[in-house]
N, C-alpha and C. Protein backbone atom coordinates (compact mmCIF):
# COMPACT_ATOMS: atom_id res chain seq x y z
N MET A 1 11.31 -13.91 7.01
CA MET A 1 11.71 -13.30 5.74
C MET A 1 10.55 -12.55 5.11
N ILE A 2 10.81 -11.37 4.61
CA ILE A 2 9.83 -10.57 3.89
C ILE A 2 10.17 -10.61 2.40
N THR A 3 9.16 -10.80 1.58
CA THR A 3 9.36 -10.75 0.13
C THR A 3 8.74 -9.48 -0.44
N ILE A 4 9.58 -8.69 -1.11
CA ILE A 4 9.09 -7.55 -1.89
C ILE A 4 8.86 -8.06 -3.30
N ILE A 5 7.62 -7.98 -3.76
CA ILE A 5 7.29 -8.55 -5.07
C ILE A 5 7.85 -7.66 -6.17
N ASP A 6 8.68 -8.26 -7.02
CA ASP A 6 9.31 -7.56 -8.14
C ASP A 6 8.55 -7.91 -9.41
N TYR A 7 7.67 -7.00 -9.85
CA TYR A 7 6.90 -7.25 -11.06
C TYR A 7 7.07 -6.10 -12.05
N ASP A 8 8.26 -5.50 -12.00
CA ASP A 8 8.66 -4.43 -12.94
C ASP A 8 7.85 -3.16 -12.77
N VAL A 9 7.23 -2.97 -11.61
CA VAL A 9 6.48 -1.74 -11.33
C VAL A 9 6.74 -1.35 -9.88
N GLY A 10 7.66 -0.41 -9.65
CA GLY A 10 7.84 0.00 -8.26
C GLY A 10 9.23 0.51 -7.96
N ASN A 11 9.30 1.30 -6.92
CA ASN A 11 10.55 1.85 -6.42
C ASN A 11 11.12 0.87 -5.39
N ILE A 12 11.61 -0.25 -5.89
CA ILE A 12 11.94 -1.37 -5.01
C ILE A 12 13.18 -1.10 -4.17
N LYS A 13 14.15 -0.42 -4.73
CA LYS A 13 15.42 -0.22 -4.01
C LYS A 13 15.21 0.50 -2.69
N ASN A 14 14.45 1.60 -2.69
CA ASN A 14 14.22 2.35 -1.46
C ASN A 14 13.38 1.58 -0.45
N VAL A 15 12.39 0.81 -0.96
CA VAL A 15 11.57 -0.01 -0.07
C VAL A 15 12.42 -1.09 0.57
N TYR A 16 13.26 -1.72 -0.22
CA TYR A 16 14.16 -2.75 0.30
C TYR A 16 15.05 -2.19 1.40
N ARG A 17 15.64 -1.03 1.14
CA ARG A 17 16.56 -0.42 2.10
C ARG A 17 15.84 -0.07 3.41
N ALA A 18 14.60 0.42 3.29
CA ALA A 18 13.85 0.82 4.48
C ALA A 18 13.61 -0.38 5.39
N PHE A 19 13.22 -1.52 4.84
CA PHE A 19 12.98 -2.71 5.67
C PHE A 19 14.28 -3.32 6.15
N GLU A 20 15.30 -3.28 5.32
CA GLU A 20 16.60 -3.81 5.74
C GLU A 20 17.15 -3.02 6.92
N ASN A 21 16.95 -1.70 6.90
CA ASN A 21 17.43 -0.86 8.00
C ASN A 21 16.71 -1.14 9.32
N LEU A 22 15.56 -1.79 9.24
CA LEU A 22 14.85 -2.20 10.45
C LEU A 22 15.32 -3.55 10.97
N GLY A 23 16.34 -4.10 10.31
CA GLY A 23 16.91 -5.37 10.75
C GLY A 23 16.15 -6.59 10.28
N LEU A 24 15.35 -6.43 9.23
CA LEU A 24 14.55 -7.54 8.72
C LEU A 24 15.27 -8.24 7.57
N ASP A 25 15.01 -9.53 7.44
CA ASP A 25 15.52 -10.32 6.33
C ASP A 25 14.60 -10.09 5.13
N VAL A 26 15.11 -9.45 4.09
CA VAL A 26 14.29 -9.04 2.95
C VAL A 26 14.84 -9.63 1.66
N VAL A 27 13.93 -10.14 0.82
CA VAL A 27 14.31 -10.57 -0.52
C VAL A 27 13.41 -9.86 -1.52
N VAL A 28 13.91 -9.70 -2.73
CA VAL A 28 13.14 -9.13 -3.83
C VAL A 28 12.95 -10.24 -4.86
N SER A 29 11.71 -10.58 -5.15
CA SER A 29 11.48 -11.75 -6.00
C SER A 29 10.09 -11.73 -6.61
N ALA A 30 9.96 -12.39 -7.76
CA ALA A 30 8.66 -12.68 -8.36
C ALA A 30 8.39 -14.18 -8.33
N ASP A 31 9.22 -14.91 -7.59
CA ASP A 31 9.10 -16.36 -7.51
C ASP A 31 8.00 -16.76 -6.52
N LYS A 32 7.06 -17.56 -6.97
CA LYS A 32 5.92 -17.91 -6.13
C LYS A 32 6.32 -18.72 -4.90
N GLU A 33 7.35 -19.54 -5.01
CA GLU A 33 7.80 -20.32 -3.85
C GLU A 33 8.42 -19.42 -2.79
N ALA A 34 9.17 -18.42 -3.24
CA ALA A 34 9.76 -17.46 -2.29
C ALA A 34 8.66 -16.69 -1.57
N ILE A 35 7.62 -16.31 -2.31
CA ILE A 35 6.50 -15.59 -1.71
C ILE A 35 5.78 -16.48 -0.71
N LYS A 36 5.59 -17.74 -1.08
CA LYS A 36 4.90 -18.69 -0.20
C LYS A 36 5.65 -18.90 1.11
N LYS A 37 6.98 -18.92 1.04
CA LYS A 37 7.81 -19.19 2.23
C LYS A 37 7.98 -17.97 3.12
N SER A 38 7.67 -16.80 2.61
CA SER A 38 7.92 -15.57 3.35
C SER A 38 6.90 -15.39 4.48
N SER A 39 7.28 -14.56 5.46
CA SER A 39 6.38 -14.28 6.57
C SER A 39 5.49 -13.08 6.29
N ALA A 40 5.84 -12.28 5.29
CA ALA A 40 5.04 -11.12 4.90
C ALA A 40 5.37 -10.75 3.47
N ILE A 41 4.43 -10.04 2.82
CA ILE A 41 4.58 -9.65 1.42
C ILE A 41 4.45 -8.14 1.31
N ILE A 42 5.34 -7.54 0.53
CA ILE A 42 5.26 -6.11 0.22
C ILE A 42 4.96 -5.97 -1.26
N LEU A 43 3.90 -5.22 -1.58
CA LEU A 43 3.53 -4.97 -2.97
C LEU A 43 3.72 -3.49 -3.25
N PRO A 44 4.88 -3.11 -3.80
CA PRO A 44 5.10 -1.70 -4.14
C PRO A 44 4.40 -1.38 -5.45
N GLY A 45 4.49 -0.14 -5.88
CA GLY A 45 3.89 0.20 -7.16
C GLY A 45 4.01 1.66 -7.50
N VAL A 46 4.40 1.91 -8.74
CA VAL A 46 4.46 3.26 -9.29
C VAL A 46 3.99 3.17 -10.73
N GLY A 47 3.13 4.09 -11.15
CA GLY A 47 2.69 4.08 -12.54
C GLY A 47 1.21 3.85 -12.68
N ALA A 48 0.82 3.19 -13.77
CA ALA A 48 -0.59 3.02 -14.13
C ALA A 48 -1.15 1.71 -13.58
N PHE A 49 -2.38 1.77 -13.11
CA PHE A 49 -3.07 0.60 -12.54
C PHE A 49 -3.14 -0.55 -13.54
N LYS A 50 -3.57 -0.26 -14.76
CA LYS A 50 -3.73 -1.29 -15.79
C LYS A 50 -2.41 -2.01 -16.04
N ASP A 51 -1.33 -1.26 -16.20
CA ASP A 51 -0.03 -1.86 -16.47
C ASP A 51 0.42 -2.75 -15.32
N ALA A 52 0.17 -2.28 -14.09
CA ALA A 52 0.57 -3.05 -12.92
C ALA A 52 -0.17 -4.38 -12.85
N MET A 53 -1.48 -4.36 -13.08
CA MET A 53 -2.24 -5.61 -13.06
C MET A 53 -1.81 -6.54 -14.19
N GLU A 54 -1.52 -5.99 -15.34
CA GLU A 54 -1.06 -6.83 -16.45
C GLU A 54 0.27 -7.50 -16.11
N ASN A 55 1.14 -6.77 -15.42
CA ASN A 55 2.43 -7.37 -15.03
C ASN A 55 2.24 -8.46 -13.99
N LEU A 56 1.33 -8.26 -13.03
CA LEU A 56 1.05 -9.31 -12.06
C LEU A 56 0.52 -10.57 -12.76
N LYS A 57 -0.30 -10.36 -13.77
CA LYS A 57 -0.81 -11.51 -14.54
C LYS A 57 0.31 -12.15 -15.36
N LYS A 58 1.17 -11.33 -15.93
CA LYS A 58 2.28 -11.86 -16.73
C LYS A 58 3.18 -12.78 -15.90
N TYR A 59 3.41 -12.39 -14.64
CA TYR A 59 4.25 -13.21 -13.76
C TYR A 59 3.43 -14.27 -13.00
N ASP A 60 2.15 -14.39 -13.34
CA ASP A 60 1.26 -15.39 -12.74
C ASP A 60 1.21 -15.24 -11.22
N LEU A 61 1.06 -14.01 -10.75
CA LEU A 61 1.13 -13.73 -9.32
C LEU A 61 -0.22 -13.39 -8.70
N VAL A 62 -1.25 -13.22 -9.49
CA VAL A 62 -2.54 -12.78 -8.94
C VAL A 62 -3.09 -13.81 -7.96
N ASP A 63 -3.20 -15.05 -8.38
CA ASP A 63 -3.72 -16.09 -7.49
C ASP A 63 -2.78 -16.33 -6.31
N CYS A 64 -1.49 -16.23 -6.55
CA CYS A 64 -0.50 -16.41 -5.49
C CYS A 64 -0.71 -15.39 -4.38
N ILE A 65 -0.89 -14.13 -4.74
CA ILE A 65 -1.11 -13.08 -3.75
C ILE A 65 -2.41 -13.31 -3.00
N LYS A 66 -3.46 -13.66 -3.75
CA LYS A 66 -4.76 -13.89 -3.12
C LYS A 66 -4.71 -15.06 -2.14
N GLU A 67 -4.03 -16.14 -2.51
CA GLU A 67 -3.94 -17.32 -1.64
C GLU A 67 -3.16 -17.01 -0.37
N ASN A 68 -2.06 -16.28 -0.50
CA ASN A 68 -1.26 -15.92 0.67
C ASN A 68 -2.03 -14.99 1.59
N ALA A 69 -2.76 -14.05 1.00
CA ALA A 69 -3.57 -13.13 1.80
C ALA A 69 -4.69 -13.89 2.53
N ALA A 70 -5.33 -14.81 1.83
CA ALA A 70 -6.41 -15.59 2.43
C ALA A 70 -5.90 -16.47 3.57
N GLY A 71 -4.62 -16.84 3.51
CA GLY A 71 -4.01 -17.65 4.56
C GLY A 71 -3.61 -16.86 5.78
N GLY A 72 -3.82 -15.54 5.75
CA GLY A 72 -3.53 -14.71 6.91
C GLY A 72 -2.16 -14.05 6.91
N LYS A 73 -1.43 -14.22 5.82
CA LYS A 73 -0.10 -13.62 5.76
C LYS A 73 -0.21 -12.10 5.61
N PRO A 74 0.55 -11.33 6.38
CA PRO A 74 0.51 -9.87 6.22
C PRO A 74 0.94 -9.45 4.82
N ILE A 75 0.18 -8.56 4.22
CA ILE A 75 0.54 -8.00 2.93
C ILE A 75 0.38 -6.49 2.99
N LEU A 76 1.42 -5.78 2.58
CA LEU A 76 1.42 -4.32 2.57
C LEU A 76 1.51 -3.81 1.15
N GLY A 77 0.48 -3.06 0.71
CA GLY A 77 0.52 -2.40 -0.58
C GLY A 77 0.92 -0.95 -0.40
N ILE A 78 1.90 -0.49 -1.17
CA ILE A 78 2.43 0.87 -1.07
C ILE A 78 2.09 1.65 -2.33
N CYS A 79 1.48 2.82 -2.16
CA CYS A 79 1.13 3.74 -3.25
C CYS A 79 0.23 3.01 -4.25
N LEU A 80 0.66 2.81 -5.49
CA LEU A 80 -0.15 2.06 -6.45
C LEU A 80 -0.42 0.65 -5.93
N GLY A 81 0.53 0.09 -5.19
CA GLY A 81 0.34 -1.24 -4.62
C GLY A 81 -0.86 -1.29 -3.69
N MET A 82 -1.11 -0.21 -2.95
CA MET A 82 -2.33 -0.14 -2.13
C MET A 82 -3.57 -0.17 -3.01
N GLN A 83 -3.56 0.59 -4.09
CA GLN A 83 -4.74 0.66 -4.96
C GLN A 83 -5.05 -0.68 -5.59
N LEU A 84 -4.02 -1.47 -5.88
CA LEU A 84 -4.22 -2.78 -6.49
C LEU A 84 -4.95 -3.75 -5.55
N LEU A 85 -4.90 -3.49 -4.25
CA LEU A 85 -5.57 -4.36 -3.29
C LEU A 85 -7.09 -4.31 -3.42
N PHE A 86 -7.61 -3.28 -4.08
CA PHE A 86 -9.05 -3.05 -4.12
C PHE A 86 -9.69 -3.63 -5.38
N GLU A 87 -11.00 -3.45 -5.48
CA GLU A 87 -11.77 -4.17 -6.49
C GLU A 87 -11.61 -3.63 -7.91
N LYS A 88 -11.56 -2.30 -8.04
CA LYS A 88 -11.64 -1.73 -9.38
C LYS A 88 -11.00 -0.36 -9.42
N SER A 89 -10.40 -0.02 -10.57
CA SER A 89 -9.87 1.32 -10.79
C SER A 89 -10.49 1.90 -12.06
N TYR A 90 -10.71 3.21 -12.02
CA TYR A 90 -11.23 3.93 -13.18
C TYR A 90 -10.14 4.84 -13.77
N GLU A 91 -8.92 4.38 -13.70
CA GLU A 91 -7.80 5.13 -14.28
C GLU A 91 -7.70 4.81 -15.77
N ASP A 92 -8.07 5.77 -16.61
CA ASP A 92 -8.02 5.59 -18.07
C ASP A 92 -8.78 4.35 -18.52
N GLY A 93 -9.96 4.19 -18.00
CA GLY A 93 -10.78 3.03 -18.34
C GLY A 93 -11.37 2.43 -17.07
N GLU A 94 -11.66 1.15 -17.12
CA GLU A 94 -12.19 0.44 -15.96
C GLU A 94 -11.47 -0.89 -15.86
N TRP A 95 -10.77 -1.08 -14.74
CA TRP A 95 -9.89 -2.24 -14.61
C TRP A 95 -10.11 -2.95 -13.28
N GLU A 96 -10.09 -4.27 -13.33
CA GLU A 96 -10.26 -5.08 -12.12
C GLU A 96 -8.95 -5.13 -11.34
N GLY A 97 -9.07 -4.98 -10.01
CA GLY A 97 -7.91 -5.12 -9.13
C GLY A 97 -7.89 -6.50 -8.49
N LEU A 98 -7.13 -6.64 -7.41
CA LEU A 98 -7.01 -7.92 -6.72
C LEU A 98 -8.26 -8.26 -5.91
N GLY A 99 -9.01 -7.26 -5.50
CA GLY A 99 -10.26 -7.50 -4.80
C GLY A 99 -10.10 -8.02 -3.38
N LEU A 100 -8.96 -7.75 -2.77
CA LEU A 100 -8.75 -8.18 -1.38
C LEU A 100 -9.52 -7.30 -0.40
N LEU A 101 -9.74 -6.05 -0.79
CA LEU A 101 -10.52 -5.10 0.00
C LEU A 101 -11.58 -4.48 -0.90
N LYS A 102 -12.64 -3.94 -0.30
CA LYS A 102 -13.76 -3.42 -1.08
C LYS A 102 -13.64 -1.90 -1.26
N GLY A 103 -13.74 -1.47 -2.50
CA GLY A 103 -13.66 -0.06 -2.82
C GLY A 103 -13.15 0.15 -4.23
N ASP A 104 -13.28 1.36 -4.73
CA ASP A 104 -12.87 1.72 -6.08
C ASP A 104 -11.80 2.82 -6.04
N ILE A 105 -10.99 2.84 -7.07
CA ILE A 105 -9.96 3.88 -7.23
C ILE A 105 -10.46 4.87 -8.26
N VAL A 106 -10.59 6.13 -7.86
CA VAL A 106 -11.17 7.15 -8.71
C VAL A 106 -10.25 8.37 -8.79
N LYS A 107 -10.46 9.21 -9.82
CA LYS A 107 -9.63 10.38 -10.02
C LYS A 107 -10.07 11.52 -9.11
N PHE A 108 -9.11 12.32 -8.66
CA PHE A 108 -9.45 13.54 -7.93
C PHE A 108 -10.32 14.42 -8.81
N SER A 109 -11.30 15.05 -8.21
CA SER A 109 -12.20 15.93 -8.96
C SER A 109 -12.01 17.38 -8.53
N GLY A 110 -12.57 18.30 -9.31
CA GLY A 110 -12.49 19.72 -8.97
C GLY A 110 -11.26 20.38 -9.54
N ASP A 111 -10.86 21.48 -8.92
CA ASP A 111 -9.76 22.29 -9.43
C ASP A 111 -8.43 22.01 -8.72
N LEU A 112 -8.31 20.84 -8.13
CA LEU A 112 -7.09 20.49 -7.41
C LEU A 112 -5.92 20.30 -8.37
N LYS A 113 -4.74 20.64 -7.91
CA LYS A 113 -3.54 20.34 -8.68
C LYS A 113 -3.29 18.84 -8.62
N ILE A 114 -3.15 18.24 -9.78
CA ILE A 114 -2.94 16.80 -9.87
C ILE A 114 -1.61 16.55 -10.60
N PRO A 115 -0.76 15.66 -10.07
CA PRO A 115 -1.01 14.76 -8.95
C PRO A 115 -0.97 15.46 -7.59
N HIS A 116 -1.58 14.80 -6.60
CA HIS A 116 -1.40 15.19 -5.20
C HIS A 116 0.02 14.77 -4.85
N MET A 117 0.91 15.75 -4.80
CA MET A 117 2.34 15.43 -4.65
C MET A 117 2.95 16.28 -3.55
N GLY A 118 3.63 15.62 -2.63
CA GLY A 118 4.32 16.32 -1.56
C GLY A 118 3.87 15.84 -0.19
N TRP A 119 4.22 16.61 0.83
CA TRP A 119 3.96 16.24 2.21
C TRP A 119 2.55 16.65 2.63
N ASN A 120 1.88 15.75 3.32
CA ASN A 120 0.54 16.06 3.81
C ASN A 120 0.33 15.36 5.15
N LYS A 121 -0.64 15.88 5.92
CA LYS A 121 -0.85 15.41 7.28
C LYS A 121 -1.67 14.12 7.35
N LEU A 122 -1.36 13.32 8.35
CA LEU A 122 -2.17 12.17 8.69
C LEU A 122 -3.24 12.57 9.72
N ILE A 123 -4.47 12.12 9.48
CA ILE A 123 -5.59 12.38 10.38
C ILE A 123 -6.06 11.02 10.89
N LYS A 124 -5.95 10.81 12.19
CA LYS A 124 -6.26 9.49 12.73
C LYS A 124 -7.75 9.19 12.66
N ALA A 125 -8.08 8.02 12.13
CA ALA A 125 -9.48 7.58 12.04
C ALA A 125 -9.85 6.69 13.21
N LYS A 126 -8.90 5.88 13.67
CA LYS A 126 -9.19 4.94 14.75
C LYS A 126 -7.88 4.47 15.37
N GLU A 127 -8.00 3.87 16.54
CA GLU A 127 -6.84 3.27 17.17
C GLU A 127 -6.55 1.93 16.52
N ASP A 128 -5.27 1.69 16.26
CA ASP A 128 -4.83 0.46 15.61
C ASP A 128 -3.36 0.29 15.95
N SER A 129 -2.89 -0.93 15.96
CA SER A 129 -1.46 -1.13 16.24
C SER A 129 -0.58 -0.43 15.22
N LEU A 130 -1.11 -0.18 14.03
CA LEU A 130 -0.35 0.57 13.01
C LEU A 130 -0.12 2.02 13.42
N SER A 131 -0.99 2.54 14.28
CA SER A 131 -0.91 3.95 14.65
C SER A 131 -0.09 4.18 15.93
N ASN A 132 0.51 3.13 16.48
CA ASN A 132 1.32 3.29 17.69
C ASN A 132 2.43 4.32 17.47
N ASP A 133 2.54 5.26 18.38
CA ASP A 133 3.60 6.28 18.37
C ASP A 133 3.46 7.29 17.22
N ILE A 134 2.30 7.29 16.54
CA ILE A 134 2.05 8.26 15.47
C ILE A 134 1.09 9.32 16.01
N ARG A 135 1.55 10.56 16.05
CA ARG A 135 0.71 11.64 16.55
C ARG A 135 -0.16 12.22 15.44
N GLU A 136 -1.30 12.76 15.85
CA GLU A 136 -2.18 13.46 14.91
C GLU A 136 -1.41 14.58 14.21
N GLY A 137 -1.51 14.63 12.89
CA GLY A 137 -0.89 15.72 12.15
C GLY A 137 0.52 15.47 11.67
N GLU A 138 1.07 14.27 11.90
CA GLU A 138 2.40 13.98 11.35
C GLU A 138 2.31 13.92 9.82
N TYR A 139 3.42 14.24 9.17
CA TYR A 139 3.44 14.36 7.72
C TYR A 139 4.06 13.13 7.05
N VAL A 140 3.49 12.76 5.89
CA VAL A 140 4.04 11.71 5.04
C VAL A 140 4.02 12.19 3.59
N TYR A 141 4.70 11.47 2.73
CA TYR A 141 4.95 11.95 1.36
C TYR A 141 4.08 11.20 0.33
N PHE A 142 3.24 11.98 -0.36
CA PHE A 142 2.30 11.44 -1.35
C PHE A 142 2.73 11.77 -2.78
N VAL A 143 2.42 10.86 -3.70
CA VAL A 143 2.47 11.15 -5.14
C VAL A 143 1.40 10.28 -5.81
N HIS A 144 0.23 10.86 -6.10
CA HIS A 144 -0.82 10.08 -6.76
C HIS A 144 -1.87 11.00 -7.38
N SER A 145 -2.46 10.52 -8.48
CA SER A 145 -3.50 11.26 -9.19
C SER A 145 -4.88 10.67 -8.97
N TYR A 146 -4.94 9.44 -8.47
CA TYR A 146 -6.19 8.75 -8.17
C TYR A 146 -6.19 8.37 -6.70
N HIS A 147 -7.39 8.23 -6.14
CA HIS A 147 -7.49 7.94 -4.71
C HIS A 147 -8.55 6.89 -4.46
N LEU A 148 -8.52 6.31 -3.29
CA LEU A 148 -9.47 5.28 -2.91
C LEU A 148 -10.80 5.89 -2.49
N ASN A 149 -11.88 5.33 -3.02
CA ASN A 149 -13.22 5.57 -2.53
C ASN A 149 -13.63 4.29 -1.80
N PRO A 150 -13.46 4.22 -0.47
CA PRO A 150 -13.64 2.95 0.22
C PRO A 150 -15.11 2.58 0.40
N GLN A 151 -15.40 1.30 0.30
CA GLN A 151 -16.75 0.84 0.60
C GLN A 151 -16.95 0.73 2.10
N ASN A 152 -15.87 0.35 2.81
CA ASN A 152 -15.94 0.20 4.26
C ASN A 152 -15.02 1.22 4.93
N GLU A 153 -15.58 2.30 5.43
CA GLU A 153 -14.75 3.31 6.07
C GLU A 153 -14.11 2.79 7.36
N ASP A 154 -14.64 1.70 7.91
CA ASP A 154 -14.02 1.10 9.09
C ASP A 154 -12.63 0.55 8.79
N ASP A 155 -12.31 0.36 7.51
CA ASP A 155 -10.97 -0.12 7.13
C ASP A 155 -9.92 0.99 7.23
N VAL A 156 -10.34 2.24 7.31
CA VAL A 156 -9.41 3.38 7.28
C VAL A 156 -8.80 3.60 8.66
N VAL A 157 -7.47 3.60 8.71
CA VAL A 157 -6.73 3.87 9.96
C VAL A 157 -6.34 5.35 10.02
N PHE A 158 -5.89 5.90 8.90
CA PHE A 158 -5.57 7.32 8.78
C PHE A 158 -6.18 7.87 7.50
N TRP A 159 -6.71 9.08 7.60
CA TRP A 159 -7.11 9.87 6.44
C TRP A 159 -6.04 10.92 6.19
N THR A 160 -6.12 11.57 5.03
CA THR A 160 -5.45 12.84 4.81
C THR A 160 -6.48 13.74 4.12
N TYR A 161 -6.13 15.01 3.93
CA TYR A 161 -7.08 15.94 3.32
C TYR A 161 -6.44 16.58 2.10
N TYR A 162 -7.10 16.38 0.95
CA TYR A 162 -6.67 17.06 -0.27
C TYR A 162 -7.94 17.35 -1.08
N GLY A 163 -8.50 18.52 -0.84
CA GLY A 163 -9.78 18.87 -1.43
C GLY A 163 -10.94 18.23 -0.69
N LYS A 164 -10.72 17.04 -0.21
CA LYS A 164 -11.67 16.32 0.63
C LYS A 164 -10.89 15.27 1.41
N ARG A 165 -11.57 14.62 2.31
CA ARG A 165 -10.94 13.57 3.11
C ARG A 165 -10.73 12.32 2.26
N ILE A 166 -9.49 11.83 2.21
CA ILE A 166 -9.19 10.63 1.43
C ILE A 166 -8.38 9.67 2.30
N PRO A 167 -8.52 8.36 2.07
CA PRO A 167 -7.78 7.38 2.87
C PRO A 167 -6.27 7.45 2.62
N ALA A 168 -5.51 7.43 3.70
CA ALA A 168 -4.05 7.40 3.62
C ALA A 168 -3.50 6.04 4.03
N VAL A 169 -4.09 5.43 5.06
CA VAL A 169 -3.71 4.09 5.52
C VAL A 169 -4.99 3.29 5.74
N VAL A 170 -5.01 2.08 5.21
CA VAL A 170 -6.15 1.19 5.42
C VAL A 170 -5.65 -0.14 5.98
N ARG A 171 -6.53 -0.80 6.71
CA ARG A 171 -6.19 -2.14 7.20
C ARG A 171 -7.46 -2.93 7.46
N GLN A 172 -7.45 -4.13 6.98
CA GLN A 172 -8.46 -5.12 7.35
C GLN A 172 -7.71 -6.40 7.69
N ARG A 173 -7.61 -6.66 8.98
CA ARG A 173 -6.85 -7.80 9.50
C ARG A 173 -5.42 -7.78 8.95
N ASN A 174 -5.03 -8.72 8.11
CA ASN A 174 -3.65 -8.83 7.63
C ASN A 174 -3.38 -8.03 6.36
N ILE A 175 -4.40 -7.37 5.81
CA ILE A 175 -4.25 -6.62 4.56
C ILE A 175 -4.09 -5.14 4.90
N ILE A 176 -2.97 -4.55 4.49
CA ILE A 176 -2.64 -3.16 4.83
C ILE A 176 -2.30 -2.40 3.55
N GLY A 177 -2.75 -1.16 3.48
CA GLY A 177 -2.38 -0.31 2.36
C GLY A 177 -1.97 1.07 2.84
N MET A 178 -0.95 1.62 2.20
CA MET A 178 -0.50 2.99 2.47
C MET A 178 -0.45 3.73 1.14
N GLN A 179 -1.27 4.78 1.00
CA GLN A 179 -1.34 5.52 -0.25
C GLN A 179 -0.06 6.33 -0.50
N PHE A 180 0.63 6.69 0.53
CA PHE A 180 1.87 7.46 0.43
C PHE A 180 3.07 6.50 0.36
N HIS A 181 4.26 7.09 0.34
CA HIS A 181 5.50 6.30 0.33
C HIS A 181 6.13 6.33 1.72
N PRO A 182 5.96 5.30 2.54
CA PRO A 182 6.58 5.30 3.86
C PRO A 182 8.10 5.36 3.79
N GLU A 183 8.67 4.78 2.73
CA GLU A 183 10.13 4.76 2.58
C GLU A 183 10.69 6.15 2.27
N LYS A 184 9.82 7.11 1.92
CA LYS A 184 10.25 8.47 1.63
C LYS A 184 9.71 9.46 2.66
N SER A 185 9.12 8.93 3.75
CA SER A 185 8.39 9.78 4.69
C SER A 185 9.10 10.00 6.01
N GLY A 186 10.44 9.97 5.98
CA GLY A 186 11.23 10.33 7.15
C GLY A 186 10.92 9.49 8.38
N LYS A 187 10.96 10.13 9.55
CA LYS A 187 10.78 9.44 10.81
C LYS A 187 9.39 8.82 10.95
N THR A 188 8.38 9.51 10.41
CA THR A 188 7.02 8.96 10.49
C THR A 188 6.90 7.67 9.69
N GLY A 189 7.48 7.66 8.50
CA GLY A 189 7.47 6.45 7.68
C GLY A 189 8.17 5.30 8.37
N ILE A 190 9.30 5.59 9.02
CA ILE A 190 10.03 4.55 9.74
C ILE A 190 9.19 3.99 10.88
N LYS A 191 8.49 4.88 11.59
CA LYS A 191 7.65 4.42 12.70
C LYS A 191 6.52 3.51 12.19
N LEU A 192 5.94 3.86 11.07
CA LEU A 192 4.87 3.04 10.51
C LEU A 192 5.40 1.66 10.10
N LEU A 193 6.56 1.63 9.46
CA LEU A 193 7.14 0.35 9.06
C LEU A 193 7.55 -0.47 10.28
N ARG A 194 8.01 0.22 11.32
CA ARG A 194 8.35 -0.49 12.56
C ARG A 194 7.11 -1.11 13.18
N ASN A 195 5.98 -0.42 13.10
CA ASN A 195 4.72 -0.99 13.61
C ASN A 195 4.32 -2.24 12.84
N ILE A 196 4.58 -2.23 11.53
CA ILE A 196 4.31 -3.43 10.74
C ILE A 196 5.23 -4.57 11.16
N LYS A 197 6.49 -4.24 11.41
CA LYS A 197 7.43 -5.25 11.90
C LYS A 197 6.94 -5.88 13.19
N GLU A 198 6.45 -5.06 14.12
CA GLU A 198 5.93 -5.59 15.39
C GLU A 198 4.69 -6.45 15.16
N MET A 199 3.87 -6.06 14.19
CA MET A 199 2.66 -6.82 13.89
C MET A 199 2.99 -8.21 13.38
N MET A 200 4.13 -8.35 12.68
CA MET A 200 4.51 -9.62 12.10
C MET A 200 5.05 -10.62 13.11
N LYS A 201 5.39 -10.17 14.31
CA LYS A 201 6.00 -11.07 15.29
C LYS A 201 4.99 -12.10 15.80
């Protein structure tokens, strides 16, 4: 069973449908026991970093997520959910994240149109089971105004390019983040989610 964490921040319906279409048993819940019993955790997210962290604290989920991650359970952060996996965000202030991975979330600089919205190419950084059947240059769908500045570039599985090279997919053992929306990314998104399904077996 996969638990999609419902903390009032995220496009949960489309994420739920994407995993259900892969034949997986999916529940949507903020219940800590349901999360504990699940085989994997999905942390979606849309909106502001500060609000998302406050909601995780309101539902008393911060320690729950950290404990499950420390136990080796796969956890996938999507869009803002990926950013929450890291140590700190500088979105309208300075805010602490979950700290499961090392790096900061910073605003795009220069004359770029913000948000970075629409289809963009994946650039492979390394071989990983997440990249199975994904060709160089496949497109996925982004919507974000802030991006990851990773401390460990070895965590990056795919980059994309928007003014500069930015992380699109990260992984450190059981902790995975996707800056884009796989549930909105057509066949490529489905392939990525299928790779996660295979990883969970």
